[in-house]
PDB file of N, CA and C in Angstrom:
ATOM      1  N   MET A   1     -38.496 -72.558  -1.845  1.00  0.00           N
ATOM      2  CA  MET A   1     -37.687 -71.513  -1.258  1.00  0.00           C
ATOM      3  C   MET A   1     -37.777 -70.287  -2.159  1.00  0.00           C
ATOM      4  N   LYS A   2     -37.764 -69.121  -1.539  1.00  0.00           N
ATOM      5  CA  LYS A   2     -37.902 -67.874  -2.271  1.00  0.00           C
ATOM      6  C   LYS A   2     -36.673 -67.003  -2.036  1.00  0.00           C
ATOM      7  N   THR A   3     -36.184 -66.363  -3.074  1.00  0.00           N
ATOM      8  CA  THR A   3     -35.044 -65.463  -2.901  1.00  0.00           C
ATOM      9  C   THR A   3     -35.540 -64.116  -2.388  1.00  0.00           C
ATOM     10  N   THR A   4     -34.650 -63.373  -1.782  1.00  0.00           N
ATOM     11  CA  THR A   4     -35.011 -62.046  -1.301  1.00  0.00           C
ATOM     12  C   THR A   4     -35.137 -61.097  -2.481  1.00  0.00           C
ATOM     13  N   PRO A   5     -35.965 -60.052  -2.346  1.00  0.00           N
ATOM     14  CA  PRO A   5     -36.102 -59.101  -3.450  1.00  0.00           C
ATOM     15  C   PRO A   5     -34.756 -58.481  -3.809  1.00  0.00           C
ATOM     16  N   LYS A   6     -34.593 -58.169  -5.097  1.00  0.00           N
ATOM     17  CA  LYS A   6     -33.333 -57.578  -5.540  1.00  0.00           C
ATOM     18  C   LYS A   6     -33.309 -56.107  -5.142  1.00  0.00           C
ATOM     19  N   GLU A   7     -32.540 -55.805  -4.150  1.00  0.00           N
ATOM     20  CA  GLU A   7     -32.335 -54.448  -3.675  1.00  0.00           C
ATOM     21  C   GLU A   7     -31.000 -54.407  -2.966  1.00  0.00           C
ATOM     22  N   PRO A   8     -30.385 -53.230  -2.882  1.00  0.00           N
ATOM     23  CA  PRO A   8     -29.061 -53.163  -2.259  1.00  0.00           C
ATOM     24  C   PRO A   8     -29.106 -53.539  -0.782  1.00  0.00           C
ATOM     25  N   ARG A   9     -28.094 -54.237  -0.337  1.00  0.00           N
ATOM     26  CA  ARG A   9     -27.944 -54.600   1.076  1.00  0.00           C
ATOM     27  C   ARG A   9     -26.664 -53.961   1.588  1.00  0.00           C
ATOM     28  N   TYR A  10     -26.724 -53.485   2.807  1.00  0.00           N
ATOM     29  CA  TYR A  10     -25.611 -52.743   3.362  1.00  0.00           C
ATOM     30  C   TYR A  10     -25.152 -53.355   4.677  1.00  0.00           C
ATOM     31  N   GLU A  11     -24.046 -54.011   4.672  1.00  0.00           N
ATOM     32  CA  GLU A  11     -23.332 -54.421   5.867  1.00  0.00           C
ATOM     33  C   GLU A  11     -24.161 -55.243   6.846  1.00  0.00           C
ATOM     34  N   THR A  12     -23.689 -55.279   8.064  1.00  0.00           N
ATOM     35  CA  THR A  12     -24.299 -56.040   9.137  1.00  0.00           C
ATOM     36  C   THR A  12     -25.736 -55.603   9.376  1.00  0.00           C
ATOM     37  N   LEU A  13     -26.606 -56.530   9.620  1.00  0.00           N
ATOM     38  CA  LEU A  13     -28.009 -56.309   9.987  1.00  0.00           C
ATOM     39  C   LEU A  13     -28.872 -55.767   8.860  1.00  0.00           C
ATOM     40  N   SER A  14     -28.370 -55.665   7.640  1.00  0.00           N
ATOM     41  CA  SER A  14     -29.142 -55.038   6.566  1.00  0.00           C
ATOM     42  C   SER A  14     -30.290 -55.907   6.064  1.00  0.00           C
ATOM     43  N   TYR A  15     -30.322 -57.174   6.400  1.00  0.00           N
ATOM     44  CA  TYR A  15     -31.414 -58.028   5.968  1.00  0.00           C
ATOM     45  C   TYR A  15     -32.581 -58.007   6.953  1.00  0.00           C
ATOM     46  N   LEU A  16     -32.418 -57.325   8.061  1.00  0.00           N
ATOM     47  CA  LEU A  16     -33.479 -57.203   9.060  1.00  0.00           C
ATOM     48  C   LEU A  16     -34.340 -55.981   8.786  1.00  0.00           C
ATOM     49  N   PRO A  17     -35.538 -55.940   9.327  1.00  0.00           N
ATOM     50  CA  PRO A  17     -36.320 -54.699   9.231  1.00  0.00           C
ATOM     51  C   PRO A  17     -35.566 -53.573   9.936  1.00  0.00           C
ATOM     52  N   PRO A  18     -35.919 -52.317   9.658  1.00  0.00           N
ATOM     53  CA  PRO A  18     -35.225 -51.206  10.328  1.00  0.00           C
ATOM     54  C   PRO A  18     -35.252 -51.366  11.851  1.00  0.00           C
ATOM     55  N   LEU A  19     -34.122 -51.072  12.477  1.00  0.00           N
ATOM     56  CA  LEU A  19     -34.017 -51.202  13.934  1.00  0.00           C
ATOM     57  C   LEU A  19     -34.674 -50.017  14.627  1.00  0.00           C
ATOM     58  N   THR A  20     -35.251 -50.279  15.781  1.00  0.00           N
ATOM     59  CA  THR A  20     -35.795 -49.201  16.605  1.00  0.00           C
ATOM     60  C   THR A  20     -34.644 -48.545  17.352  1.00  0.00           C
ATOM     61  N   ASP A  21     -34.891 -47.381  17.937  1.00  0.00           N
ATOM     62  CA  ASP A  21     -33.848 -46.718  18.726  1.00  0.00           C
ATOM     63  C   ASP A  21     -33.396 -47.599  19.882  1.00  0.00           C
ATOM     64  N   GLN A  22     -34.328 -48.342  20.474  1.00  0.00           N
ATOM     65  CA  GLN A  22     -33.969 -49.232  21.586  1.00  0.00           C
ATOM     66  C   GLN A  22     -33.034 -50.342  21.106  1.00  0.00           C
ATOM     67  N   GLN A  23     -33.319 -50.917  19.941  1.00  0.00           N
ATOM     68  CA  GLN A  23     -32.467 -51.970  19.394  1.00  0.00           C
ATOM     69  C   GLN A  23     -31.101 -51.420  18.991  1.00  0.00           C
ATOM     70  N   ILE A  24     -31.080 -50.231  18.414  1.00  0.00           N
ATOM     71  CA  ILE A  24     -29.810 -49.592  18.057  1.00  0.00           C
ATOM     72  C   ILE A  24     -29.008 -49.332  19.325  1.00  0.00           C
ATOM     73  N   GLY A  25     -29.680 -48.866  20.365  1.00  0.00           N
ATOM     74  CA  GLY A  25     -29.015 -48.616  21.650  1.00  0.00           C
ATOM     75  C   GLY A  25     -28.359 -49.867  22.210  1.00  0.00           C
ATOM     76  N   LYS A  26     -29.012 -51.020  22.055  1.00  0.00           N
ATOM     77  CA  LYS A  26     -28.429 -52.282  22.532  1.00  0.00           C
ATOM     78  C   LYS A  26     -27.173 -52.647  21.738  1.00  0.00           C
ATOM     79  N   GLN A  27     -27.200 -52.411  20.433  1.00  0.00           N
ATOM     80  CA  GLN A  27     -26.022 -52.682  19.609  1.00  0.00           C
ATOM     81  C   GLN A  27     -24.860 -51.764  20.008  1.00  0.00           C
ATOM     82  N   ILE A  28     -25.190 -50.508  20.263  1.00  0.00           N
ATOM     83  CA  ILE A  28     -24.164 -49.544  20.676  1.00  0.00           C
ATOM     84  C   ILE A  28     -23.618 -49.916  22.049  1.00  0.00           C
ATOM     85  N   GLN A  29     -24.489 -50.362  22.951  1.00  0.00           N
ATOM     86  CA  GLN A  29     -24.030 -50.785  24.276  1.00  0.00           C
ATOM     87  C   GLN A  29     -23.069 -51.960  24.153  1.00  0.00           C
ATOM     88  N   TYR A  30     -23.352 -52.887  23.244  1.00  0.00           N
ATOM     89  CA  TYR A  30     -22.446 -53.999  22.994  1.00  0.00           C
ATOM     90  C   TYR A  30     -21.077 -53.471  22.560  1.00  0.00           C
ATOM     91  N   MET A  31     -21.077 -52.500  21.641  1.00  0.00           N
ATOM     92  CA  MET A  31     -19.817 -51.890  21.187  1.00  0.00           C
ATOM     93  C   MET A  31     -19.038 -51.326  22.362  1.00  0.00           C
ATOM     94  N   LEU A  32     -19.727 -50.561  23.191  1.00  0.00           N
ATOM     95  CA  LEU A  32     -19.075 -49.939  24.349  1.00  0.00           C
ATOM     96  C   LEU A  32     -18.552 -50.999  25.311  1.00  0.00           C
ATOM     97  N   ASP A  33     -19.327 -52.069  25.529  1.00  0.00           N
ATOM     98  CA  ASP A  33     -18.900 -53.156  26.422  1.00  0.00           C
ATOM     99  C   ASP A  33     -17.639 -53.844  25.907  1.00  0.00           C
ATOM    100  N   GLN A  34     -17.464 -53.869  24.583  1.00  0.00           N
ATOM    101  CA  GLN A  34     -16.275 -54.482  23.985  1.00  0.00           C
ATOM    102  C   GLN A  34     -15.075 -53.537  23.994  1.00  0.00           C
ATOM    103  N   GLY A  35     -15.304 -52.287  24.388  1.00  0.00           N
ATOM    104  CA  GLY A  35     -14.220 -51.313  24.409  1.00  0.00           C
ATOM    105  C   GLY A  35     -14.015 -50.608  23.083  1.00  0.00           C
ATOM    106  N   PHE A  36     -14.944 -50.772  22.142  1.00  0.00           N
ATOM    107  CA  PHE A  36     -14.826 -50.121  20.845  1.00  0.00           C
ATOM    108  C   PHE A  36     -15.210 -48.649  20.954  1.00  0.00           C
ATOM    109  N   ILE A  37     -14.634 -47.847  20.105  1.00  0.00           N
ATOM    110  CA  ILE A  37     -14.910 -46.407  20.072  1.00  0.00           C
ATOM    111  C   ILE A  37     -15.924 -46.158  18.959  1.00  0.00           C
ATOM    112  N   PRO A  38     -17.118 -45.673  19.313  1.00  0.00           N
ATOM    113  CA  PRO A  38     -18.134 -45.448  18.282  1.00  0.00           C
ATOM    114  C   PRO A  38     -17.882 -44.172  17.483  1.00  0.00           C
ATOM    115  N   ALA A  39     -18.353 -44.198  16.256  1.00  0.00           N
ATOM    116  CA  ALA A  39     -18.313 -43.029  15.382  1.00  0.00           C
ATOM    117  C   ALA A  39     -19.553 -43.079  14.499  1.00  0.00           C
ATOM    118  N   VAL A  40     -19.966 -41.930  14.030  1.00  0.00           N
ATOM    119  CA  VAL A  40     -21.115 -41.826  13.132  1.00  0.00           C
ATOM    120  C   VAL A  40     -20.597 -41.376  11.768  1.00  0.00           C
ATOM    121  N   GLU A  41     -21.025 -42.075  10.719  1.00  0.00           N
ATOM    122  CA  GLU A  41     -20.616 -41.745   9.360  1.00  0.00           C
ATOM    123  C   GLU A  41     -21.854 -41.635   8.479  1.00  0.00           C
ATOM    124  N   PHE A  42     -21.715 -40.890   7.374  1.00  0.00           N
ATOM    125  CA  PHE A  42     -22.828 -40.750   6.444  1.00  0.00           C
ATOM    126  C   PHE A  42     -22.321 -40.747   5.013  1.00  0.00           C
ATOM    127  N   GLN A  43     -23.229 -41.114   4.099  1.00  0.00           N
ATOM    128  CA  GLN A  43     -22.904 -41.158   2.674  1.00  0.00           C
ATOM    129  C   GLN A  43     -24.207 -41.005   1.907  1.00  0.00           C
ATOM    130  N   GLU A  44     -24.215 -40.118   0.930  1.00  0.00           N
ATOM    131  CA  GLU A  44     -25.454 -39.864   0.192  1.00  0.00           C
ATOM    132  C   GLU A  44     -25.863 -41.039  -0.694  1.00  0.00           C
ATOM    133  N   SER A  45     -24.925 -41.603  -1.412  1.00  0.00           N
ATOM    134  CA  SER A  45     -25.266 -42.731  -2.289  1.00  0.00           C
ATOM    135  C   SER A  45     -24.173 -43.797  -2.198  1.00  0.00           C
ATOM    136  N   PRO A  46     -24.227 -44.621  -1.163  1.00  0.00           N
ATOM    137  CA  PRO A  46     -23.185 -45.630  -0.990  1.00  0.00           C
ATOM    138  C   PRO A  46     -23.278 -46.725  -2.043  1.00  0.00           C
ATOM    139  N   LYS A  47     -22.140 -47.203  -2.433  1.00  0.00           N
ATOM    140  CA  LYS A  47     -22.049 -48.322  -3.352  1.00  0.00           C
ATOM    141  C   LYS A  47     -21.252 -49.414  -2.634  1.00  0.00           C
ATOM    142  N   PRO A  48     -21.440 -50.657  -3.020  1.00  0.00           N
ATOM    143  CA  PRO A  48     -20.729 -51.738  -2.333  1.00  0.00           C
ATOM    144  C   PRO A  48     -19.218 -51.562  -2.279  1.00  0.00           C
ATOM    145  N   GLU A  49     -18.656 -50.909  -3.304  1.00  0.00           N
ATOM    146  CA  GLU A  49     -17.198 -50.742  -3.316  1.00  0.00           C
ATOM    147  C   GLU A  49     -16.723 -49.539  -2.507  1.00  0.00           C
ATOM    148  N   ASP A  50     -17.643 -48.744  -1.953  1.00  0.00           N
ATOM    149  CA  ASP A  50     -17.266 -47.587  -1.127  1.00  0.00           C
ATOM    150  C   ASP A  50     -16.909 -48.047   0.279  1.00  0.00           C
ATOM    151  N   HIS A  51     -15.648 -47.977   0.606  1.00  0.00           N
ATOM    152  CA  HIS A  51     -15.216 -48.380   1.942  1.00  0.00           C
ATOM    153  C   HIS A  51     -15.075 -47.179   2.859  1.00  0.00           C
ATOM    154  N   HIS A  52     -15.040 -46.005   2.286  1.00  0.00           N
ATOM    155  CA  HIS A  52     -14.837 -44.792   3.080  1.00  0.00           C
ATOM    156  C   HIS A  52     -16.066 -43.902   3.002  1.00  0.00           C
ATOM    157  N   TRP A  53     -16.673 -43.669   4.159  1.00  0.00           N
ATOM    158  CA  TRP A  53     -17.805 -42.772   4.258  1.00  0.00           C
ATOM    159  C   TRP A  53     -17.311 -41.493   4.930  1.00  0.00           C
ATOM    160  N   THR A  54     -18.133 -40.456   4.887  1.00  0.00           N
ATOM    161  CA  THR A  54     -17.767 -39.195   5.527  1.00  0.00           C
ATOM    162  C   THR A  54     -18.037 -39.291   7.028  1.00  0.00           C
ATOM    163  N   LEU A  55     -17.040 -38.924   7.798  1.00  0.00           N
ATOM    164  CA  LEU A  55     -17.156 -38.987   9.255  1.00  0.00           C
ATOM    165  C   LEU A  55     -17.932 -37.778   9.770  1.00  0.00           C
ATOM    166  N   TRP A  56     -18.923 -38.035  10.613  1.00  0.00           N
ATOM    167  CA  TRP A  56     -19.688 -36.976  11.272  1.00  0.00           C
ATOM    168  C   TRP A  56     -18.939 -36.625  12.546  1.00  0.00           C
ATOM    169  N   LYS A  57     -18.354 -35.475  12.594  1.00  0.00           N
ATOM    170  CA  LYS A  57     -17.524 -35.046  13.734  1.00  0.00           C
ATOM    171  C   LYS A  57     -16.375 -36.030  13.938  1.00  0.00           C
ATOM    172  N   LEU A  58     -15.753 -35.990  15.088  1.00  0.00           N
ATOM    173  CA  LEU A  58     -14.690 -36.938  15.416  1.00  0.00           C
ATOM    174  C   LEU A  58     -15.289 -38.184  16.046  1.00  0.00           C
ATOM    175  N   PRO A  59     -14.545 -39.303  16.080  1.00  0.00           N
ATOM    176  CA  PRO A  59     -15.050 -40.456  16.816  1.00  0.00           C
ATOM    177  C   PRO A  59     -15.373 -40.040  18.261  1.00  0.00           C
ATOM    178  N   LEU A  60     -16.321 -40.729  18.851  1.00  0.00           N
ATOM    179  CA  LEU A  60     -16.820 -40.362  20.180  1.00  0.00           C
ATOM    180  C   LEU A  60     -15.987 -41.050  21.264  1.00  0.00           C
ATOM    181  N   PHE A  61     -14.777 -40.544  21.468  1.00  0.00           N
ATOM    182  CA  PHE A  61     -13.824 -41.159  22.390  1.00  0.00           C
ATOM    183  C   PHE A  61     -14.311 -41.194  23.834  1.00  0.00           C
ATOM    184  N   GLU A  62     -14.982 -40.164  24.276  1.00  0.00           N
ATOM    185  CA  GLU A  62     -15.374 -40.041  25.677  1.00  0.00           C
ATOM    186  C   GLU A  62     -16.813 -40.461  25.953  1.00  0.00           C
ATOM    187  N   VAL A  63     -17.467 -41.113  25.017  1.00  0.00           N
ATOM    188  CA  VAL A  63     -18.870 -41.474  25.197  1.00  0.00           C
ATOM    189  C   VAL A  63     -19.028 -42.544  26.280  1.00  0.00           C
ATOM    190  N   ASN A  64     -20.085 -42.397  27.088  1.00  0.00           N
ATOM    191  CA  ASN A  64     -20.330 -43.340  28.179  1.00  0.00           C
ATOM    192  C   ASN A  64     -21.642 -44.091  28.051  1.00  0.00           C
ATOM    193  N   SER A  65     -22.525 -43.645  27.156  1.00  0.00           N
ATOM    194  CA  SER A  65     -23.824 -44.302  27.036  1.00  0.00           C
ATOM    195  C   SER A  65     -24.283 -44.320  25.580  1.00  0.00           C
ATOM    196  N   PRO A  66     -25.133 -45.287  25.249  1.00  0.00           N
ATOM    197  CA  PRO A  66     -25.673 -45.343  23.886  1.00  0.00           C
ATOM    198  C   PRO A  66     -26.473 -44.087  23.536  1.00  0.00           C
ATOM    199  N   GLN A  67     -27.090 -43.480  24.520  1.00  0.00           N
ATOM    200  CA  GLN A  67     -27.906 -42.296  24.263  1.00  0.00           C
ATOM    201  C   GLN A  67     -27.078 -41.152  23.669  1.00  0.00           C
ATOM    202  N   GLU A  68     -25.834 -41.016  24.097  1.00  0.00           N
ATOM    203  CA  GLU A  68     -24.958 -39.982  23.555  1.00  0.00           C
ATOM    204  C   GLU A  68     -24.700 -40.212  22.061  1.00  0.00           C
ATOM    205  N   VAL A  69     -24.534 -41.468  21.680  1.00  0.00           N
ATOM    206  CA  VAL A  69     -24.316 -41.803  20.268  1.00  0.00           C
ATOM    207  C   VAL A  69     -25.604 -41.564  19.478  1.00  0.00           C
ATOM    208  N   LEU A  70     -26.738 -41.971  20.044  1.00  0.00           N
ATOM    209  CA  LEU A  70     -28.020 -41.753  19.365  1.00  0.00           C
ATOM    210  C   LEU A  70     -28.299 -40.268  19.166  1.00  0.00           C
ATOM    211  N   ASN A  71     -27.881 -39.436  20.103  1.00  0.00           N
ATOM    212  CA  ASN A  71     -28.046 -37.987  19.943  1.00  0.00           C
ATOM    213  C   ASN A  71     -27.252 -37.488  18.738  1.00  0.00           C
ATOM    214  N   GLU A  72     -26.041 -38.007  18.562  1.00  0.00           N
ATOM    215  CA  GLU A  72     -25.222 -37.632  17.403  1.00  0.00           C
ATOM    216  C   GLU A  72     -25.851 -38.123  16.100  1.00  0.00           C
ATOM    217  N   VAL A  73     -26.436 -39.327  16.131  1.00  0.00           N
ATOM    218  CA  VAL A  73     -27.121 -39.855  14.956  1.00  0.00           C
ATOM    219  C   VAL A  73     -28.282 -38.938  14.586  1.00  0.00           C
ATOM    220  N   ARG A  74     -29.046 -38.502  15.571  1.00  0.00           N
ATOM    221  CA  ARG A  74     -30.177 -37.603  15.305  1.00  0.00           C
ATOM    222  C   ARG A  74     -29.705 -36.275  14.721  1.00  0.00           C
ATOM    223  N   GLU A  75     -28.623 -35.744  15.270  1.00  0.00           N
ATOM    224  CA  GLU A  75     -28.060 -34.493  14.732  1.00  0.00           C
ATOM    225  C   GLU A  75     -27.631 -34.660  13.278  1.00  0.00           C
ATOM    226  N   CYS A  76     -26.933 -35.744  13.001  1.00  0.00           N
ATOM    227  CA  CYS A  76     -26.473 -36.021  11.640  1.00  0.00           C
ATOM    228  C   CYS A  76     -27.670 -36.190  10.710  1.00  0.00           C
ATOM    229  N   ARG A  77     -28.667 -36.897  11.176  1.00  0.00           N
ATOM    230  CA  ARG A  77     -29.865 -37.127  10.369  1.00  0.00           C
ATOM    231  C   ARG A  77     -30.595 -35.829  10.056  1.00  0.00           C
ATOM    232  N   SER A  78     -30.643 -34.917  11.014  1.00  0.00           N
ATOM    233  CA  SER A  78     -31.338 -33.651  10.764  1.00  0.00           C
ATOM    234  C   SER A  78     -30.586 -32.794   9.747  1.00  0.00           C
ATOM    235  N   GLU A  79     -29.268 -32.902   9.727  1.00  0.00           N
ATOM    236  CA  GLU A  79     -28.479 -32.109   8.781  1.00  0.00           C
ATOM    237  C   GLU A  79     -28.340 -32.784   7.415  1.00  0.00           C
ATOM    238  N   TYR A  80     -28.289 -34.114   7.403  1.00  0.00           N
ATOM    239  CA  TYR A  80     -28.096 -34.867   6.159  1.00  0.00           C
ATOM    240  C   TYR A  80     -29.210 -35.902   5.991  1.00  0.00           C
ATOM    241  N   SER A  81     -30.431 -35.423   5.904  1.00  0.00           N
ATOM    242  CA  SER A  81     -31.592 -36.321   5.834  1.00  0.00           C
ATOM    243  C   SER A  81     -31.651 -37.123   4.533  1.00  0.00           C
ATOM    244  N   ASN A  82     -30.894 -36.719   3.524  1.00  0.00           N
ATOM    245  CA  ASN A  82     -30.872 -37.447   2.253  1.00  0.00           C
ATOM    246  C   ASN A  82     -29.723 -38.456   2.182  1.00  0.00           C
ATOM    247  N   SER A  83     -29.072 -38.727   3.307  1.00  0.00           N
ATOM    248  CA  SER A  83     -27.918 -39.630   3.328  1.00  0.00           C
ATOM    249  C   SER A  83     -28.192 -40.867   4.179  1.00  0.00           C
ATOM    250  N   TYR A  84     -27.463 -41.916   3.854  1.00  0.00           N
ATOM    251  CA  TYR A  84     -27.441 -43.103   4.705  1.00  0.00           C
ATOM    252  C   TYR A  84     -26.550 -42.777   5.894  1.00  0.00           C
ATOM    253  N   ILE A  85     -26.903 -43.291   7.061  1.00  0.00           N
ATOM    254  CA  ILE A  85     -26.107 -43.034   8.269  1.00  0.00           C
ATOM    255  C   ILE A  85     -25.792 -44.377   8.918  1.00  0.00           C
ATOM    256  N   ARG A  86     -24.548 -44.533   9.307  1.00  0.00           N
ATOM    257  CA  ARG A  86     -24.160 -45.766   9.992  1.00  0.00           C
ATOM    258  C   ARG A  86     -23.363 -45.449  11.247  1.00  0.00           C
ATOM    259  N   VAL A  87     -23.367 -46.403  12.158  1.00  0.00           N
ATOM    260  CA  VAL A  87     -22.557 -46.325  13.376  1.00  0.00           C
ATOM    261  C   VAL A  87     -21.443 -47.341  13.212  1.00  0.00           C
ATOM    262  N   VAL A  88     -20.246 -46.923  13.523  1.00  0.00           N
ATOM    263  CA  VAL A  88     -19.049 -47.748  13.368  1.00  0.00           C
ATOM    264  C   VAL A  88     -18.370 -47.888  14.722  1.00  0.00           C
ATOM    265  N   GLY A  89     -17.822 -49.057  14.998  1.00  0.00           N
ATOM    266  CA  GLY A  89     -17.055 -49.284  16.221  1.00  0.00           C
ATOM    267  C   GLY A  89     -15.604 -49.571  15.877  1.00  0.00           C
ATOM    268  N   PHE A  90     -14.696 -48.745  16.394  1.00  0.00           N
ATOM    269  CA  PHE A  90     -13.264 -48.909  16.148  1.00  0.00           C
ATOM    270  C   PHE A  90     -12.577 -49.537  17.356  1.00  0.00           C
ATOM    271  N   ASP A  91     -11.622 -50.394  17.087  1.00  0.00           N
ATOM    272  CA  ASP A  91     -10.805 -50.997  18.141  1.00  0.00           C
ATOM    273  C   ASP A  91      -9.485 -50.241  18.181  1.00  0.00           C
ATOM    274  N   ASN A  92      -9.200 -49.584  19.286  1.00  0.00           N
ATOM    275  CA  ASN A  92      -7.978 -48.781  19.362  1.00  0.00           C
ATOM    276  C   ASN A  92      -6.723 -49.638  19.549  1.00  0.00           C
ATOM    277  N   ILE A  93      -6.852 -50.903  19.883  1.00  0.00           N
ATOM    278  CA  ILE A  93      -5.695 -51.793  20.008  1.00  0.00           C
ATOM    279  C   ILE A  93      -5.305 -52.337  18.621  1.00  0.00           C
ATOM    280  N   ARG A  94      -6.275 -52.859  17.921  1.00  0.00           N
ATOM    281  CA  ARG A  94      -6.022 -53.417  16.584  1.00  0.00           C
ATOM    282  C   ARG A  94      -5.953 -52.345  15.505  1.00  0.00           C
ATOM    283  N   GLN A  95      -6.394 -51.137  15.829  1.00  0.00           N
ATOM    284  CA  GLN A  95      -6.368 -50.009  14.894  1.00  0.00           C
ATOM    285  C   GLN A  95      -7.202 -50.281  13.646  1.00  0.00           C
ATOM    286  N   CYS A  96      -8.421 -50.789  13.860  1.00  0.00           N
ATOM    287  CA  CYS A  96      -9.282 -51.058  12.721  1.00  0.00           C
ATOM    288  C   CYS A  96     -10.754 -51.002  13.119  1.00  0.00           C
ATOM    289  N   GLN A  97     -11.585 -50.986  12.109  1.00  0.00           N
ATOM    290  CA  GLN A  97     -13.029 -51.006  12.314  1.00  0.00           C
ATOM    291  C   GLN A  97     -13.449 -52.429  12.637  1.00  0.00           C
ATOM    292  N   MET A  98     -14.228 -52.615  13.699  1.00  0.00           N
ATOM    293  CA  MET A  98     -14.644 -53.947  14.100  1.00  0.00           C
ATOM    294  C   MET A  98     -16.103 -54.247  13.777  1.00  0.00           C
ATOM    295  N   ILE A  99     -16.929 -53.216  13.758  1.00  0.00           N
ATOM    296  CA  ILE A  99     -18.348 -53.406  13.496  1.00  0.00           C
ATOM    297  C   ILE A  99     -18.911 -52.138  12.872  1.00  0.00           C
ATOM    298  N   SER A 100     -19.892 -52.300  12.024  1.00  0.00           N
ATOM    299  CA  SER A 100     -20.616 -51.146  11.496  1.00  0.00           C
ATOM    300  C   SER A 100     -22.000 -51.610  11.072  1.00  0.00           C
ATOM    301  N   PHE A 101     -22.963 -50.737  11.197  1.00  0.00           N
ATOM    302  CA  PHE A 101     -24.313 -51.063  10.758  1.00  0.00           C
ATOM    303  C   PHE A 101     -25.076 -49.788  10.452  1.00  0.00           C
ATOM    304  N   ILE A 102     -25.986 -49.890   9.488  1.00  0.00           N
ATOM    305  CA  ILE A 102     -26.805 -48.761   9.056  1.00  0.00           C
ATOM    306  C   ILE A 102     -27.869 -48.494  10.107  1.00  0.00           C
ATOM    307  N   VAL A 103     -28.023 -47.222  10.475  1.00  0.00           N
ATOM    308  CA  VAL A 103     -29.059 -46.839  11.428  1.00  0.00           C
ATOM    309  C   VAL A 103     -30.130 -45.965  10.789  1.00  0.00           C
ATOM    310  N   TYR A 104     -29.871 -45.486   9.575  1.00  0.00           N
ATOM    311  CA  TYR A 104     -30.863 -44.660   8.888  1.00  0.00           C
ATOM    312  C   TYR A 104     -30.677 -44.775   7.383  1.00  0.00           C
ATOM    313  N   LYS A 105     -31.808 -45.003   6.678  1.00  0.00           N
ATOM    314  CA  LYS A 105     -31.819 -44.994   5.220  1.00  0.00           C
ATOM    315  C   LYS A 105     -32.764 -43.895   4.789  1.00  0.00           C
ATOM    316  N   PRO A 106     -32.363 -43.071   3.827  1.00  0.00           N
ATOM    317  CA  PRO A 106     -33.255 -41.987   3.389  1.00  0.00           C
ATOM    318  C   PRO A 106     -34.502 -42.541   2.709  1.00  0.00           C
ATOM    319  N   GLU A 107     -35.521 -41.729   2.695  1.00  0.00           N
ATOM    320  CA  GLU A 107     -36.790 -42.104   2.034  1.00  0.00           C
ATOM    321  C   GLU A 107     -36.529 -42.440   0.570  1.00  0.00           C
ATOM    322  N   GLY A 108     -37.008 -43.572   0.127  1.00  0.00           N
ATOM    323  CA  GLY A 108     -36.789 -43.977  -1.256  1.00  0.00           C
ATOM    324  C   GLY A 108     -35.516 -44.754  -1.462  1.00  0.00           C
ATOM    325  N   GLY A 109     -34.453 -44.398  -0.751  1.00  0.00           N
ATOM    326  CA  GLY A 109     -33.190 -45.110  -0.849  1.00  0.00           C
ATOM    327  C   GLY A 109     -32.548 -45.047  -2.219  1.00  0.00           C
ATOM    328  N   VAL A 110     -31.406 -45.654  -2.335  1.00  0.00           N
ATOM    329  CA  VAL A 110     -30.653 -45.686  -3.592  1.00  0.00           C
ATOM    330  C   VAL A 110     -30.926 -47.022  -4.258  1.00  0.00           C
ATOM    331  N   ARG A 111     -31.174 -47.000  -5.524  1.00  0.00           N
ATOM    332  CA  ARG A 111     -31.381 -48.235  -6.300  1.00  0.00           C
ATOM    333  C   ARG A 111     -30.254 -48.367  -7.309  1.00  0.00           C
ATOM    334  N   TYR A 112     -29.760 -49.564  -7.516  1.00  0.00           N
ATOM    335  CA  TYR A 112     -28.693 -49.826  -8.507  1.00  0.00           C
ATOM    336  C   TYR A 112     -29.272 -50.555  -9.679  1.00  0.00           C
TER     337      TYR A 112
END
């Protein structure tokens, strides 16, 4: 058995290869189907103990399709290309974050 290379891992799905836009869209559709409110967040150099990232605009309360969220991710990426970007799903009943996953890692990434 072989261990994985020593490199930082970030949240859900971080052990998989980078997701395609189609795969990200399916994850976002799952969020929407569950009634979660998506939001886009970014952080230049996240550390495992960082629980709070910078919110890109307001949560997307009125979003109806994954494509709308992907458009926001692209906008955020064009403005903050040196930052990690994640999509978060909030549950408005439980008042908490239910899911989050990285959708973009900058070239080179952060090493600890």
